[in-house]
Amino acid sequence: MKPIFSRGPSLQIRLILAVLVALGVIIADSRLGTFSQIRTYMDTAVSPFYFISNGPRELLDSVSQTLASRDQLELENRALRQELLLKNSDLLMLGQYKQENARLRELLGSPLRQDEQKMVTQVISTVNDPYSDQVVIDKGSVNGVYEGQPVISDKGVVGQVVAVAKLTSRVLLICDATHALPIQVLRNDIRVIAAGNGCTDDLQLEHLPANTDIRVGDVLVTSGLGGRFPEGYPVAVVSSVKLDTQRAYTVIQARPTAGLQRLRYLLLLWGADRNGANPADAGRGSSRSQ
């Protein structure tokens, strides 16, 4: 009786044969390149499995990078939005900056004498006093400001310093009712006194003879009398000439050229006589004498 399962070669023989075959294949491939084409075909056939096995890792890396990029983009987007907001706010102020720059250029180009020092100052407040027309500027004793110092703008004479603190000063405007300024008519050099009448009204040139040669449109400039204000700076333009027939004198009004209700940047002047007489006192005296 034959056995159902016949015994084959032993495991040792099989192992030896497999090793010999493998060595033969390796030697043949390394020396002759016999299996290079076959290996290429096999690599090509196995390539999809590489992609499939590497897919989960690629997916995880992509998701992680996407999330990181999203966070980074959100941060960059937030930063750019803030920067854009700041730039837009700067653009909103661009027009004002241009106007301020133009004012400063005009201010520094005003007709100052060579022997006069000058300093740009800014109006920071107005004095809330219905009986006094004054402004507060951002320069004080630390900047060399002194009482009685003349103050001008790019359009004309503004006033004079009446009080000095360490960091600020108060300027009495030429339109103040207590202020008077020696002036002269640019056209014919007639010298008169311009008295303040409040900043809502024009300056007054009072008690002038009826035959005084002053006309509407005449430019009035500082005369230099009293030593407080340098000569030749524009003060006002004559706006009205009226004859008082009962008293036989002319009442003249003049509108300040400096635009005293819209002051922003001013100039402090040095070079005038610090010990000179107060133009207000000189003005009142001259007015009384006339």
Protein backbone atom coordinates (compact mmCIF):
# COMPACT_ATOMS: atom_id res chain seq x y z
CA MET A 1 0.00 0.00 0.00
CA LYS A 2 1.42 3.33 -1.10
CA PRO A 3 1.48 6.21 1.35
CA ILE A 4 -0.76 9.17 0.41
CA PHE A 5 1.94 11.82 1.06
CA SER A 6 5.43 11.08 -0.23
CA ARG A 7 8.40 12.65 1.52
CA GLY A 8 10.36 15.26 -0.49
CA PRO A 9 13.86 16.60 -0.07
CA SER A 10 14.78 17.61 3.42
CA LEU A 11 14.63 21.23 4.59
CA GLN A 12 18.41 21.52 4.71
CA ILE A 13 18.68 20.56 1.04
CA ARG A 14 15.98 23.07 0.12
CA LEU A 15 17.77 25.82 2.00
CA ILE A 16 21.08 25.04 0.34
CA LEU A 17 19.49 25.03 -3.09
CA ALA A 18 17.75 28.37 -2.42
CA VAL A 19 20.99 29.96 -1.25
CA LEU A 20 22.85 28.69 -4.31
CA VAL A 21 20.16 30.01 -6.64
CA ALA A 22 20.18 33.39 -4.92
CA LEU A 23 23.96 33.64 -5.15
CA GLY A 24 23.81 32.73 -8.81
CA VAL A 25 21.20 35.38 -9.52
CA ILE A 26 23.21 38.02 -7.63
CA ILE A 27 26.42 37.17 -9.47
CA ALA A 28 24.70 37.09 -12.84
CA ASP A 29 22.97 40.42 -12.21
CA SER A 30 26.10 42.17 -10.97
CA ARG A 31 28.36 40.85 -13.73
CA LEU A 32 26.02 40.63 -16.71
CA GLY A 33 23.06 42.94 -15.80
CA THR A 34 20.70 40.18 -16.72
CA PHE A 35 17.87 41.17 -14.41
CA SER A 36 18.15 44.99 -14.63
CA GLN A 37 15.27 45.28 -17.07
CA ILE A 38 13.20 42.87 -15.03
CA ARG A 39 13.94 44.86 -11.87
CA THR A 40 12.82 48.04 -13.62
CA TYR A 41 9.52 46.44 -14.55
CA MET A 42 9.04 45.19 -11.02
CA ASP A 43 9.81 48.59 -9.51
CA THR A 44 7.31 50.15 -11.87
CA ALA A 45 4.70 47.61 -10.91
CA VAL A 46 5.31 48.14 -7.19
CA SER A 47 5.40 51.98 -7.36
CA PRO A 48 1.63 52.46 -6.73
CA PHE A 49 2.00 50.59 -3.46
CA TYR A 50 4.67 53.07 -2.37
CA PHE A 51 2.28 55.96 -2.97
CA ILE A 52 -0.55 54.15 -1.24
CA SER A 53 1.54 53.33 1.80
CA ASN A 54 2.94 56.86 1.95
CA GLY A 55 -0.44 58.50 1.43
CA PRO A 56 -1.52 58.76 5.10
CA ARG A 57 1.75 60.38 6.11
CA GLU A 58 1.57 62.83 3.19
CA LEU A 59 -2.00 63.67 4.13
CA LEU A 60 -1.12 64.30 7.76
CA ASP A 61 1.85 66.46 6.79
CA SER A 62 -0.28 68.44 4.34
CA VAL A 63 -3.04 69.01 6.89
CA SER A 64 -0.52 70.05 9.52
CA GLN A 65 1.18 72.45 7.12
CA THR A 66 -2.17 73.84 5.99
CA LEU A 67 -3.24 74.53 9.57
CA ALA A 68 0.11 76.13 10.37
CA SER A 69 -0.05 78.22 7.19
CA ARG A 70 -3.60 79.28 8.03
CA ASP A 71 -2.57 80.47 11.48
CA GLN A 72 0.44 82.26 10.01
CA LEU A 73 -1.69 83.85 7.32
CA GLU A 74 -4.23 84.99 9.90
CA LEU A 75 -1.46 86.60 11.94
CA GLU A 76 0.02 88.26 8.86
CA ASN A 77 -3.43 89.35 7.72
CA ARG A 78 -4.16 90.89 11.13
CA ALA A 79 -0.82 92.69 11.14
CA LEU A 80 -1.40 93.98 7.60
CA ARG A 81 -4.88 95.18 8.51
CA GLN A 82 -3.50 97.12 11.46
CA GLU A 83 -0.76 98.60 9.28
CA LEU A 84 -3.33 99.52 6.63
CA LEU A 85 -5.48 101.19 9.26
CA LEU A 86 -2.52 103.26 10.43
CA LYS A 87 -1.63 104.19 6.86
CA ASN A 88 -5.22 105.18 6.14
CA SER A 89 -5.27 107.37 9.24
CA ASP A 90 -2.06 109.01 8.01
CA LEU A 91 -3.70 109.59 4.63
CA LEU A 92 -6.63 111.26 6.37
CA MET A 93 -4.16 113.75 7.87
CA LEU A 94 -2.20 114.19 4.64
CA GLY A 95 -4.22 117.19 3.54
CA GLN A 96 -3.77 118.87 6.89
CA TYR A 97 -0.05 118.08 6.87
CA LYS A 98 0.24 119.68 3.43
CA GLN A 99 -1.52 122.80 4.64
CA GLU A 100 0.63 122.97 7.78
CA ASN A 101 3.75 122.50 5.68
CA ALA A 102 2.67 125.32 3.39
CA ARG A 103 2.00 127.55 6.40
CA LEU A 104 5.42 126.78 7.86
CA ARG A 105 7.10 127.47 4.53
CA GLU A 106 5.32 130.80 4.27
CA LEU A 107 6.12 131.52 7.91
CA LEU A 108 9.84 130.89 7.53
CA GLY A 109 9.85 132.89 4.33
CA SER A 110 8.36 135.99 5.93
CA PRO A 111 10.36 139.21 5.46
CA LEU A 112 12.59 139.07 8.56
CA ARG A 113 15.63 141.25 8.90
CA GLN A 114 18.99 139.56 8.83
CA ASP A 115 19.84 140.77 12.33
CA GLU A 116 16.63 139.40 13.84
CA GLN A 117 16.41 136.02 15.44
CA LYS A 118 13.21 134.05 15.03
CA MET A 119 11.54 130.99 16.52
CA VAL A 120 8.48 129.11 15.33
CA THR A 121 5.83 128.60 17.99
CA GLN A 122 2.37 127.06 18.00
CA VAL A 123 -0.87 128.32 19.54
CA ILE A 124 -2.05 125.72 22.04
CA SER A 125 -4.99 127.54 23.63
CA THR A 126 -7.01 130.72 23.73
CA VAL A 127 -7.65 132.64 26.94
CA ASN A 128 -11.31 132.34 27.91
CA ASP A 129 -11.82 135.93 28.97
CA PRO A 130 -14.54 138.03 27.31
CA TYR A 131 -12.64 141.21 28.20
CA SER A 132 -9.24 140.13 26.88
CA ASP A 133 -8.09 138.74 23.54
CA GLN A 134 -5.08 136.53 24.21
CA VAL A 135 -3.65 133.19 23.09
CA VAL A 136 -1.27 130.76 24.77
CA ILE A 137 1.81 129.55 22.88
CA ASP A 138 4.08 126.57 23.49
CA LYS A 139 7.28 128.52 24.19
CA GLY A 140 8.38 129.98 27.53
CA SER A 141 11.32 131.25 29.53
CA VAL A 142 13.34 128.11 28.79
CA ASN A 143 13.21 129.17 25.14
CA GLY A 144 14.30 132.73 25.89
CA VAL A 145 10.86 134.29 25.52
CA TYR A 146 10.47 137.64 27.32
CA GLU A 147 7.61 140.01 28.12
CA GLY A 148 6.97 142.53 25.39
CA GLN A 149 8.42 140.28 22.69
CA PRO A 150 6.80 140.88 19.28
CA VAL A 151 4.87 138.04 17.68
CA ILE A 152 3.96 137.78 14.01
CA SER A 153 2.47 135.25 11.61
CA ASP A 154 3.08 134.63 7.94
CA LYS A 155 0.44 137.29 7.18
CA GLY A 156 1.37 140.07 9.56
CA VAL A 157 1.69 141.32 13.14
CA VAL A 158 -0.19 139.28 15.75
CA GLY A 159 0.64 140.89 19.09
CA GLN A 160 3.16 140.83 21.90
CA VAL A 161 4.02 138.56 24.82
CA VAL A 162 2.49 139.80 28.09
CA ALA A 163 3.20 136.89 30.45
CA VAL A 164 5.96 134.27 30.41
CA ALA A 165 5.93 130.93 32.21
CA LYS A 166 8.61 128.27 32.05
CA LEU A 167 7.11 126.33 29.14
CA THR A 168 4.31 128.58 27.85
CA SER A 169 3.57 132.25 27.29
CA ARG A 170 0.51 134.45 26.78
CA VAL A 171 0.29 136.73 23.78
CA LEU A 172 -1.89 139.83 23.78
CA LEU A 173 -3.40 140.25 20.31
CA ILE A 174 -3.40 143.59 18.51
CA CYS A 175 -7.20 143.44 18.37
CA ASP A 176 -7.46 143.54 22.18
CA ALA A 177 -9.24 146.64 23.46
CA THR A 178 -6.25 147.54 25.65
CA HIS A 179 -3.69 147.32 22.86
CA ALA A 180 -2.45 150.12 20.63
CA LEU A 181 0.22 149.95 17.97
CA PRO A 182 2.24 152.70 16.23
CA ILE A 183 1.80 152.22 12.48
CA GLN A 184 2.29 154.09 9.24
CA VAL A 185 0.55 154.11 5.89
CA LEU A 186 2.68 152.28 3.36
CA ARG A 187 1.56 154.55 0.52
CA ASN A 188 2.51 157.91 2.02
CA ASP A 189 4.22 157.19 5.38
CA ILE A 190 1.54 158.92 7.47
CA ARG A 191 2.03 157.76 11.05
CA VAL A 192 -0.96 156.98 13.25
CA ILE A 193 -1.98 154.72 16.12
CA ALA A 194 -4.07 151.59 15.54
CA ALA A 195 -6.13 150.72 18.62
CA GLY A 196 -7.77 147.37 19.27
CA ASN A 197 -11.55 147.16 19.39
CA GLY A 198 -12.04 143.46 20.09
CA CYS A 199 -11.28 140.64 17.67
CA THR A 200 -14.82 140.64 16.32
CA ASP A 201 -14.31 144.19 15.02
CA ASP A 202 -11.63 145.95 12.99
CA LEU A 203 -8.85 148.10 14.41
CA GLN A 204 -9.66 151.75 14.98
CA LEU A 205 -7.69 154.79 13.76
CA GLU A 206 -9.43 157.54 15.68
CA HIS A 207 -9.24 161.31 16.08
CA LEU A 208 -7.59 161.96 12.74
CA PRO A 209 -8.03 165.29 10.97
CA ALA A 210 -10.71 165.35 8.32
CA ASN A 211 -8.15 165.98 5.58
CA THR A 212 -5.98 162.97 6.47
CA ASP A 213 -4.88 161.22 3.27
CA ILE A 214 -5.89 157.65 4.12
CA ARG A 215 -8.04 155.62 1.75
CA VAL A 216 -9.83 152.29 1.77
CA GLY A 217 -7.35 149.61 0.72
CA ASP A 218 -4.28 151.35 2.13
CA VAL A 219 -1.81 148.96 3.74
CA LEU A 220 -0.75 149.79 7.28
CA VAL A 221 2.65 148.61 8.52
CA THR A 222 4.58 148.94 11.76
CA SER A 223 6.40 152.24 12.10
CA GLY A 224 9.08 151.06 14.52
CA LEU A 225 8.24 153.81 17.05
CA GLY A 226 8.56 152.74 20.65
CA GLY A 227 11.19 150.13 19.83
CA ARG A 228 8.86 147.20 20.41
CA PHE A 229 7.90 146.15 16.89
CA PRO A 230 10.40 146.24 14.01
CA GLU A 231 9.52 148.61 11.19
CA GLY A 232 7.78 147.52 8.03
CA TYR A 233 5.68 144.52 9.05
CA PRO A 234 2.11 144.51 7.69
CA VAL A 235 -0.54 145.13 10.32
CA ALA A 236 -3.86 145.83 8.63
CA VAL A 237 -5.64 147.05 5.51
CA VAL A 238 -7.98 150.03 5.71
CA SER A 239 -11.55 148.78 5.40
CA SER A 240 -13.61 151.88 6.17
CA VAL A 241 -13.15 155.67 6.17
CA LYS A 242 -15.93 157.77 7.72
CA LEU A 243 -16.06 161.48 8.40
CA ASP A 244 -17.60 162.65 11.66
CA THR A 245 -19.08 165.98 10.57
CA GLN A 246 -20.08 167.00 14.07
CA ARG A 247 -16.59 166.60 15.51
CA ALA A 248 -14.69 167.33 12.28
CA TYR A 249 -12.44 164.30 12.35
CA THR A 250 -12.20 161.03 10.45
CA VAL A 251 -12.90 157.60 11.94
CA ILE A 252 -10.99 154.91 10.09
CA GLN A 253 -11.23 151.14 10.51
CA ALA A 254 -8.61 148.63 9.36
CA ARG A 255 -8.82 144.86 9.14
CA PRO A 256 -5.80 142.94 10.53
CA THR A 257 -3.91 140.98 7.90
CA ALA A 258 -2.90 138.18 10.28
CA GLY A 259 -6.34 136.54 10.54
CA LEU A 260 -6.39 136.73 14.33
CA GLN A 261 -9.28 134.30 14.77
CA ARG A 262 -7.51 131.48 12.91
CA LEU A 263 -4.03 131.46 14.41
CA ARG A 264 -1.97 128.26 14.44
CA TYR A 265 1.74 128.81 13.83
CA LEU A 266 3.45 132.03 14.85
CA LEU A 267 6.92 133.54 14.92
CA LEU A 268 8.64 135.02 17.95
CA LEU A 269 11.06 137.81 17.02
CA TRP A 270 14.29 138.83 18.71
CA GLY A 271 16.29 141.93 17.89
CA ALA A 272 13.88 144.63 18.99
CA ASP A 273 14.74 146.71 22.04
CA ARG A 274 13.66 144.75 25.08
CA ASN A 275 13.66 147.92 27.15
CA GLY A 276 11.64 149.89 24.64
CA ALA A 277 8.44 151.61 25.62
CA ASN A 278 5.22 149.62 25.58
CA PRO A 279 3.44 150.27 22.27
CA ALA A 280 0.14 150.31 24.13
CA ASP A 281 1.37 153.09 26.42
CA ALA A 282 2.92 154.94 23.51
CA GLY A 283 -0.26 154.49 21.53
CA ARG A 284 -2.51 155.81 24.28
CA GLY A 285 -0.22 158.76 24.82
CA SER A 286 -0.12 159.57 21.12
CA SER A 287 -3.87 159.21 20.87
CA ARG A 288 -4.39 161.58 23.76
CA SER A 289 -1.94 164.06 22.28
CA GLN A 290 -3.90 164.08 19.09
